[in-house]
Structures are given as structure tokens and as C-alpha cells.
Amino acid sequence: MEKKVYEIMQKNRKVAEISETGFCKIYDESFLPYNLYLEENDDIDTLVNNVTNFYYWCATRVLTLDRKYAKEILNSIGMRQAVTDRERAQIALSYRCASLTDVFWVRQKGEEITFEEINLYNNHLKNTFIDISLRGKQYTADNHELAKDLSTNGCFPKAWKREEEGFILLKDGGEDAVERELLASRICQCFDVSQVIYQKSYFSHEKVTKSENITSLETSLASMEAFEIYAQNHDRDVKEYILSLDSHNYYMMNIIDYLVGNTDRHWGNWGVLVDTKNNKPISLHKLMDFNRAFYAYDNIDGANCQTTFYKKMSQREAAEEAVKKIGLNQIKEVKKSYFEALPQYWGMFEKRLSLLKGI
């Protein structure tokens, strides 16, 4: 049986191709995805690594199995409940690995298809899949409709919805998670930091948050996991590179996460914006994802900070360091009335803010 050959595309630029046996040809290394490493070598170890890396990259472009309703979504498109990277990759490849986070995609060699025909920014998607993503309902859906949910990771149900002004992201997870994200977003808006704004919305008569899509045909998103690989491949220290790109928003992220008790700032939910014209990083992307805010909120120090580049620090220590570097940058008062739905968090928030103001 003839082995398939896949072409890895950035818009309409062919950047590499790889066969199912691992043989690859790189056409433009500078435009490869940050977290995809391939080598042009025919020794067995390299071929195995190429296939492994390619399937892992594809698998990152589909929802993870710990995601709520993941099994229902897979059932709805008539595919098995994937376990391995290769199985998840086959799901992503069924819709050419299209994403709302960047402009990379994959086609089989010889396919007569262009980026304009498959990208999710310009091509309409039916609304059916929103119900599957948010509520776990069973529908029959075409493979390409999975794209509604492929671009966001995490354990909370999410779905993209196209509106006149573009895509918005709806997030559920129960009323408590929704209220926590809304409160954290409102607090965040009282500080000078680039941020995604979360607003209250409803889906099927239940409260959800909605937010803008922060990517476009001109700017893509790369997680810190991916950026770390990019920095290493360019012989750059990751922390120094981030601080040279956007020190203000890096330090503000640590301040905000401490103030709102966000314990979920792993390397998958912060990262950089990338210029699609040259595939180079521009700045940190907007601060987002607060539905696990106000955790570890029973003490003044908070949880361990996950953004200090392997240096062990508490969230309090990271926030104190940030204030010393750039100041608190508060632009308006955080009112007690903001906490009406979650009054139990006001006291600790007040203590943390007072502590930082005293530095």
C-alpha cells in the first residue's frame, strides 16, 4: 500500500512535507510551527522521531480526552475514542488540522486545495456543533465541524460561535466557574494589562462567559510550550526573550494572577502572538482564562507560581517582584460591589491588594 505524504502549510506556503514513514523535506524552516521539529535524515531513529513529532503536533490541534464531553464529540463524528497521539492526529487530519489559533494546516500531497478554501476565519461553520461542545448533546456532525472545538484546551466545555463581528468563545463549567471568571475579568480591567475581556452571556438558558477571538489571519498564537522550543532552536534564553518582547505584560500577569488567585497559569494558557507574515513573535498574547480564579485563596501567599521559568516562587513572591520591577499599574478602583455574587473572596482580595500597594 502506498504511504501517504502530508504537506505542512502556512497559509498557501508549503513549509515541509512528511511521509507516514518519516521521510521529510523542509522547504522553509523559518515558517515551521514553533513546536514541530523535523529533520531531513534517513536513519531509522530520525524517521521514527519525525513521525512521532508530526503526530504529536497534529494531536495538539484536537481536543484532549480529559475535556468534558470529549467522548460525546468523538462519537458524534463517528470516530473512535482516541487514546494515542496517532489516533488523535487522525481526527485532526480529517479536517486538515485547521485551527483558530494560527494559520497552519495540512493537506495530502497532490490535493488541489488552498488556504482560502479551508481556513476557519473566512469559511462559515454550522451552529450544530456548539450544542455538542457545551452540553454534550448527541448529533450527527461532519468531520469539519469538529473545528468548532479543536483550538482550546482545558477541562471546561467550550465552543466557538461565529457572529457578525467574528468568532466568540463561549465557556461553561457551571455557574460558580462562570462567576469566578467574570469577577476576575472585572478586577483585571482595573489594571493596565493587555487582556481578554469576559462578559456574561447565555446558552440554552444557562449562564456562560463569552470572549473575543484574539487571533486573525495576520496574528497567530503560540503557547509558551511551543515558544520554549522556538527559543531553544534559536539559541535564546526563554526568560530573557520574553522580557525583551513584553516585560510589562509578563510582570502584570504575575500581579493579576496573585490578586485573583488564579492557579491555572500553566504553559498552555499563556504565550505569544506571532506575526504570520514572518512567523516571528511580537509580544505576549492577551491575558486570558480565569475560570480557576480564587483557588488557593485561603492564605496570603497563594499557590506556587507557574510562570517564573523554573525558579520556585509563591504567587505572592512573584507579584512582589513584579511590583518592584514595574509598579502596580492600577488604573481604577476595584469596588466591593464587584464581589456581590462571590462575597467570600472580598476579604482576601483586599489583603492581597493592600500588601502590594505597600511595596
Protein backbone atom coordinates (compact mmCIF):
# COMPACT_ATOMS: atom_id res chain seq x y z
CA MET A 1 0.00 0.00 0.00
CA GLU A 2 1.32 3.42 -0.96
CA LYS A 3 2.25 5.54 2.02
CA LYS A 4 0.61 8.94 2.39
CA VAL A 5 2.67 12.10 2.16
CA TYR A 6 1.45 15.17 4.02
CA GLU A 7 2.28 18.78 3.18
CA ILE A 8 2.54 21.16 6.15
CA MET A 9 1.22 24.54 5.08
CA GLN A 10 1.42 28.09 6.46
CA LYS A 11 -1.41 29.83 4.61
CA ASN A 12 -0.52 28.91 0.99
CA ARG A 13 3.19 28.46 1.72
CA LYS A 14 4.40 24.85 1.71
CA VAL A 15 6.92 24.71 4.55
CA ALA A 16 7.57 20.96 4.74
CA GLU A 17 6.32 17.56 3.71
CA ILE A 18 6.48 14.26 5.56
CA SER A 19 5.55 10.71 4.68
CA GLU A 20 3.93 8.19 7.00
CA THR A 21 7.32 6.50 7.24
CA GLY A 22 9.08 9.65 8.45
CA PHE A 23 10.92 10.83 5.35
CA CYS A 24 10.63 14.58 5.20
CA LYS A 25 11.63 17.55 3.11
CA ILE A 26 11.83 21.02 4.66
CA TYR A 27 11.15 23.85 2.24
CA ASP A 28 11.16 26.83 4.61
CA GLU A 29 12.43 26.14 8.12
CA SER A 30 11.71 29.69 9.32
CA PHE A 31 7.99 29.13 8.76
CA LEU A 32 7.65 25.79 10.55
CA PRO A 33 5.28 25.69 13.54
CA TYR A 34 7.20 26.52 16.71
CA ASN A 35 6.50 23.14 18.31
CA LEU A 36 7.19 20.90 15.29
CA TYR A 37 10.75 19.62 14.88
CA LEU A 38 11.67 17.64 11.75
CA GLU A 39 14.99 16.51 10.31
CA GLU A 40 15.99 15.61 6.75
CA ASN A 41 17.77 12.37 7.52
CA ASP A 42 17.04 8.77 6.56
CA ASP A 43 18.46 6.91 9.56
CA ILE A 44 15.86 4.91 11.44
CA ASP A 45 15.94 6.95 14.65
CA THR A 46 15.36 10.20 12.78
CA LEU A 47 12.49 8.71 10.77
CA VAL A 48 10.80 7.46 13.94
CA ASN A 49 11.28 10.85 15.63
CA ASN A 50 9.88 12.68 12.62
CA VAL A 51 6.70 10.60 12.62
CA THR A 52 6.34 10.88 16.39
CA ASN A 53 6.82 14.66 16.33
CA PHE A 54 4.42 15.12 13.43
CA TYR A 55 1.63 13.08 15.01
CA TYR A 56 2.15 14.82 18.35
CA TRP A 57 1.85 18.21 16.66
CA CYS A 58 -1.33 17.13 14.88
CA ALA A 59 -2.72 15.75 18.14
CA THR A 60 -2.28 19.13 19.85
CA ARG A 61 -4.72 20.54 17.31
CA VAL A 62 -7.64 18.48 18.56
CA LEU A 63 -9.39 18.47 21.94
CA THR A 64 -7.79 16.38 24.67
CA LEU A 65 -9.57 13.39 26.16
CA ASP A 66 -9.77 14.84 29.64
CA ARG A 67 -12.02 17.50 28.17
CA LYS A 68 -15.64 17.33 29.32
CA TYR A 69 -17.86 15.85 26.59
CA ALA A 70 -14.83 14.78 24.54
CA LYS A 71 -16.21 11.28 24.13
CA GLU A 72 -19.59 12.62 23.04
CA ILE A 73 -17.90 14.83 20.46
CA LEU A 74 -15.88 11.94 19.04
CA ASN A 75 -18.96 9.72 18.94
CA SER A 76 -20.87 12.43 17.12
CA ILE A 77 -18.46 12.38 14.19
CA GLY A 78 -18.42 8.58 14.10
CA MET A 79 -14.78 8.13 15.16
CA ARG A 80 -13.24 6.02 17.87
CA GLN A 81 -12.43 7.47 21.27
CA ALA A 82 -8.78 8.14 20.54
CA VAL A 83 -6.12 7.40 23.13
CA THR A 84 -2.76 7.70 21.36
CA ASP A 85 -1.24 10.73 19.66
CA ARG A 86 -1.54 8.93 16.33
CA GLU A 87 -5.27 8.32 16.83
CA ARG A 88 -5.88 11.91 17.86
CA ALA A 89 -3.79 13.07 14.90
CA GLN A 90 -6.09 11.20 12.53
CA ILE A 91 -9.02 13.19 13.88
CA ALA A 92 -7.20 16.48 13.31
CA LEU A 93 -6.06 15.38 9.86
CA SER A 94 -9.68 14.65 8.92
CA TYR A 95 -10.23 18.42 8.84
CA ARG A 96 -6.67 19.19 7.69
CA CYS A 97 -5.54 20.33 11.15
CA ALA A 98 -7.25 23.69 10.65
CA SER A 99 -7.33 25.89 13.74
CA LEU A 100 -8.47 29.24 15.08
CA THR A 101 -5.17 29.74 16.88
CA ASP A 102 -2.89 30.01 13.83
CA VAL A 103 -2.70 29.72 10.04
CA PHE A 104 -1.04 26.30 9.78
CA TRP A 105 -2.83 23.39 8.17
CA VAL A 106 -2.07 20.07 6.46
CA ARG A 107 -3.06 18.58 3.12
CA GLN A 108 -2.17 15.35 1.38
CA LYS A 109 0.36 15.72 -1.40
CA GLY A 110 -1.46 16.18 -4.68
CA GLU A 111 -4.59 17.70 -3.17
CA GLU A 112 -5.87 20.67 -5.13
CA ILE A 113 -6.98 22.86 -2.25
CA THR A 114 -5.98 26.26 -0.92
CA PHE A 115 -5.93 28.02 2.44
CA GLU A 116 -8.78 30.28 1.31
CA GLU A 117 -11.00 27.22 0.93
CA ILE A 118 -10.39 25.67 4.36
CA ASN A 119 -9.38 28.36 6.86
CA LEU A 120 -11.81 28.95 9.71
CA TYR A 121 -11.66 32.74 9.58
CA ASN A 122 -13.33 33.02 6.20
CA ASN A 123 -15.40 29.85 5.96
CA HIS A 124 -18.74 29.57 7.68
CA LEU A 125 -19.39 26.77 10.19
CA LYS A 126 -22.81 25.46 11.12
CA ASN A 127 -24.10 26.10 14.62
CA THR A 128 -24.94 22.47 15.41
CA PHE A 129 -21.59 21.72 16.95
CA ILE A 130 -21.96 24.35 19.67
CA ASP A 131 -24.55 22.19 21.43
CA ILE A 132 -22.24 19.18 21.33
CA SER A 133 -19.34 21.14 22.81
CA LEU A 134 -21.20 22.95 25.58
CA ARG A 135 -23.88 20.47 26.59
CA GLY A 136 -22.70 17.05 25.46
CA LYS A 137 -25.73 16.50 23.23
CA GLN A 138 -25.54 13.82 20.57
CA TYR A 139 -25.80 14.91 16.95
CA THR A 140 -24.52 13.60 13.65
CA ALA A 141 -21.83 16.05 12.59
CA ASP A 142 -19.44 16.20 9.67
CA ASN A 143 -15.74 15.95 10.46
CA HIS A 144 -15.05 19.57 9.51
CA GLU A 145 -17.48 20.72 12.18
CA LEU A 146 -15.09 19.49 14.88
CA ALA A 147 -13.11 22.62 14.14
CA LYS A 148 -15.58 24.47 16.37
CA ASP A 149 -13.85 22.99 19.40
CA LEU A 150 -10.35 21.97 18.41
CA SER A 151 -8.47 25.14 19.26
CA THR A 152 -8.99 25.34 23.01
CA ASN A 153 -7.60 23.03 25.67
CA GLY A 154 -8.63 22.59 29.26
CA CYS A 155 -11.22 20.75 31.30
CA PHE A 156 -14.16 23.14 30.88
CA PRO A 157 -16.63 22.82 28.00
CA LYS A 158 -16.02 25.46 25.34
CA ALA A 159 -17.23 26.25 21.86
CA TRP A 160 -16.60 28.83 19.16
CA LYS A 161 -19.58 30.67 17.73
CA ARG A 162 -19.48 32.84 14.62
CA GLU A 163 -21.17 36.20 14.94
CA GLU A 164 -21.23 39.16 12.55
CA GLU A 165 -18.06 40.66 14.01
CA GLY A 166 -16.24 37.30 14.02
CA PHE A 167 -15.84 34.31 16.30
CA ILE A 168 -16.56 34.48 20.02
CA LEU A 169 -15.65 31.83 22.57
CA LEU A 170 -18.37 30.52 24.88
CA LYS A 171 -17.30 28.79 28.09
CA ASP A 172 -19.41 26.82 30.55
CA GLY A 173 -18.31 24.74 33.54
CA GLY A 174 -21.08 25.55 35.98
CA GLU A 175 -22.32 28.80 37.43
CA ASP A 176 -19.54 29.03 40.02
CA ALA A 177 -16.78 28.81 37.39
CA VAL A 178 -18.57 31.35 35.21
CA GLU A 179 -18.94 33.81 38.11
CA ARG A 180 -15.29 33.42 39.06
CA GLU A 181 -14.13 34.19 35.53
CA LEU A 182 -16.44 37.19 35.29
CA LEU A 183 -15.22 38.59 38.62
CA ALA A 184 -11.54 38.03 37.77
CA SER A 185 -12.03 39.74 34.42
CA ARG A 186 -13.69 42.73 36.06
CA ILE A 187 -10.79 43.06 38.50
CA CYS A 188 -8.30 42.72 35.66
CA GLN A 189 -9.91 45.67 33.88
CA CYS A 190 -8.87 47.89 36.79
CA PHE A 191 -5.20 47.43 35.85
CA ASP A 192 -3.04 48.35 32.88
CA VAL A 193 -2.58 44.96 31.23
CA SER A 194 -3.38 43.58 27.79
CA GLN A 195 -6.33 41.28 28.43
CA VAL A 196 -9.23 39.31 27.05
CA ILE A 197 -12.47 40.70 28.46
CA TYR A 198 -15.02 38.11 29.60
CA GLN A 199 -18.69 39.03 29.55
CA LYS A 200 -21.83 37.33 30.77
CA SER A 201 -23.88 35.52 28.16
CA TYR A 202 -26.42 32.68 27.98
CA PHE A 203 -26.59 29.43 26.09
CA SER A 204 -29.62 27.14 26.32
CA HIS A 205 -30.87 29.37 29.19
CA GLU A 206 -27.71 28.73 31.22
CA LYS A 207 -25.09 31.30 32.09
CA VAL A 208 -21.77 31.16 30.22
CA THR A 209 -18.92 33.59 29.58
CA LYS A 210 -18.16 34.95 26.15
CA SER A 211 -14.95 36.49 24.89
CA GLU A 212 -13.31 37.61 21.68
CA ASN A 213 -11.04 35.58 19.47
CA ILE A 214 -7.54 37.06 19.88
CA THR A 215 -6.07 35.70 16.64
CA SER A 216 -6.57 36.63 12.99
CA LEU A 217 -5.15 35.99 9.55
CA GLU A 218 -2.38 38.44 10.49
CA THR A 219 -1.57 37.29 14.04
CA SER A 220 -1.36 33.75 15.39
CA LEU A 221 -1.00 32.39 18.89
CA ALA A 222 1.78 30.16 20.19
CA SER A 223 1.72 28.74 23.71
CA MET A 224 4.73 29.02 25.99
CA GLU A 225 5.26 25.29 25.47
CA ALA A 226 5.72 25.99 21.77
CA PHE A 227 7.65 29.22 22.30
CA GLU A 228 10.17 27.47 24.54
CA ILE A 229 11.02 25.13 21.66
CA TYR A 230 11.27 28.08 19.28
CA ALA A 231 13.61 29.97 21.65
CA GLN A 232 15.84 26.93 22.14
CA ASN A 233 16.03 26.35 18.39
CA HIS A 234 17.20 29.97 18.02
CA ASP A 235 19.72 29.70 20.89
CA ARG A 236 17.84 32.20 23.04
CA ASP A 237 17.20 32.08 26.78
CA VAL A 238 13.43 31.77 27.16
CA LYS A 239 13.04 34.21 30.05
CA GLU A 240 15.33 36.83 28.52
CA TYR A 241 13.49 36.52 25.22
CA ILE A 242 10.08 37.01 26.87
CA LEU A 243 11.29 40.03 28.85
CA SER A 244 12.75 41.58 25.71
CA LEU A 245 9.45 41.08 23.89
CA ASP A 246 7.00 42.25 26.56
CA SER A 247 8.27 42.68 30.11
CA HIS A 248 5.31 44.87 31.13
CA ASN A 249 2.63 42.30 30.41
CA TYR A 250 4.76 39.46 31.78
CA TYR A 251 5.06 41.15 35.17
CA MET A 252 1.43 42.29 35.10
CA MET A 253 0.35 38.68 34.53
CA ASN A 254 2.05 37.69 37.79
CA ILE A 255 0.44 40.60 39.63
CA ILE A 256 -3.07 39.84 38.36
CA ASP A 257 -2.80 36.10 38.91
CA TYR A 258 -1.82 36.72 42.53
CA LEU A 259 -4.59 39.22 43.15
CA VAL A 260 -7.32 36.95 41.73
CA GLY A 261 -5.85 33.67 42.97
CA ASN A 262 -5.51 32.12 39.52
CA THR A 263 -3.87 28.71 39.96
CA ASP A 264 -4.09 27.57 36.34
CA ARG A 265 -1.48 29.67 34.52
CA HIS A 266 0.28 26.64 33.04
CA TRP A 267 2.41 26.91 29.89
CA GLY A 268 -0.54 26.04 27.70
CA ASN A 269 -2.63 29.12 28.54
CA TRP A 270 -0.14 31.93 28.17
CA GLY A 271 2.23 32.59 25.32
CA VAL A 272 3.00 34.89 22.42
CA LEU A 273 1.36 36.49 19.43
CA VAL A 274 3.11 35.66 16.17
CA ASP A 275 3.22 37.77 13.01
CA THR A 276 2.03 35.47 10.21
CA LYS A 277 3.97 37.48 7.61
CA ASN A 278 7.33 36.35 9.01
CA ASN A 279 6.43 33.76 11.69
CA LYS A 280 8.23 35.80 14.36
CA PRO A 281 6.95 36.60 17.88
CA ILE A 282 5.51 40.07 18.50
CA SER A 283 4.55 40.20 22.19
CA LEU A 284 2.75 38.19 24.82
CA HIS A 285 -0.82 37.47 23.82
CA LYS A 286 -3.64 38.96 25.85
CA LEU A 287 -4.07 37.66 29.39
CA MET A 288 -6.92 35.13 29.44
CA ASP A 289 -8.51 32.11 31.10
CA PHE A 290 -9.73 32.83 34.64
CA ASN A 291 -12.32 30.15 35.39
CA ARG A 292 -10.00 28.68 38.02
CA ALA A 293 -9.52 32.00 39.78
CA PHE A 294 -9.82 32.33 43.58
CA TYR A 295 -8.29 28.92 44.26
CA ALA A 296 -5.61 28.65 46.99
CA TYR A 297 -7.29 31.80 48.28
CA ASP A 298 -7.30 30.87 51.94
CA ASN A 299 -3.83 32.27 52.65
CA ILE A 300 -1.90 35.40 51.79
CA ASP A 301 0.87 33.65 49.82
CA GLY A 302 -1.26 31.84 47.25
CA ALA A 303 -0.13 28.82 45.26
CA ASN A 304 3.22 28.15 43.62
CA CYS A 305 3.75 30.46 40.65
CA GLN A 306 3.97 28.56 37.35
CA THR A 307 5.37 31.40 35.23
CA THR A 308 8.77 32.04 36.82
CA PHE A 309 10.81 29.88 34.42
CA TYR A 310 11.65 27.03 36.76
CA LYS A 311 12.56 29.31 39.67
CA LYS A 312 10.44 28.23 42.63
CA MET A 313 8.39 31.14 43.96
CA SER A 314 4.99 31.62 45.53
CA GLN A 315 2.46 33.76 43.70
CA ARG A 316 2.98 36.40 46.37
CA GLU A 317 6.74 36.46 45.80
CA ALA A 318 6.30 36.66 42.03
CA ALA A 319 3.81 39.52 42.39
CA GLU A 320 6.07 41.40 44.82
CA GLU A 321 8.97 41.05 42.39
CA ALA A 322 6.75 42.33 39.57
CA VAL A 323 5.63 45.41 41.52
CA LYS A 324 9.26 46.25 42.28
CA LYS A 325 10.05 45.98 38.58
CA ILE A 326 7.16 47.94 37.02
CA GLY A 327 4.83 49.17 39.77
CA LEU A 328 1.25 48.12 40.48
CA ASN A 329 -0.28 49.93 37.47
CA GLN A 330 -3.78 50.16 38.91
CA ILE A 331 -5.91 52.46 36.75
CA LYS A 332 -9.21 52.46 38.65
CA GLU A 333 -10.73 51.35 41.95
CA VAL A 334 -11.77 47.74 42.50
CA LYS A 335 -15.15 48.13 44.16
CA LYS A 336 -16.56 45.83 46.81
CA SER A 337 -19.80 45.73 44.80
CA TYR A 338 -17.97 43.71 42.13
CA PHE A 339 -17.99 40.80 44.61
CA GLU A 340 -21.76 40.70 45.03
CA ALA A 341 -22.05 37.16 43.56
CA LEU A 342 -18.92 35.90 45.38
CA PRO A 343 -18.67 37.94 48.61
CA GLN A 344 -16.45 35.34 50.31
CA TYR A 345 -13.48 36.47 48.24
CA TRP A 346 -13.52 40.18 49.06
CA GLY A 347 -11.55 39.96 52.32
CA MET A 348 -8.58 38.08 50.86
CA PHE A 349 -8.54 40.22 47.74
CA GLU A 350 -8.40 43.36 49.90
CA LYS A 351 -5.49 41.91 51.90
CA ARG A 352 -3.52 41.00 48.79
CA LEU A 353 -4.09 44.35 47.12
CA SER A 354 -3.10 46.20 50.30
CA LEU A 355 0.06 44.16 50.55
CA LEU A 356 1.13 45.06 47.00
CA LYS A 357 0.23 48.72 47.48
CA GLY A 358 2.61 48.79 50.45
CA ILE A 359 5.66 47.79 48.44
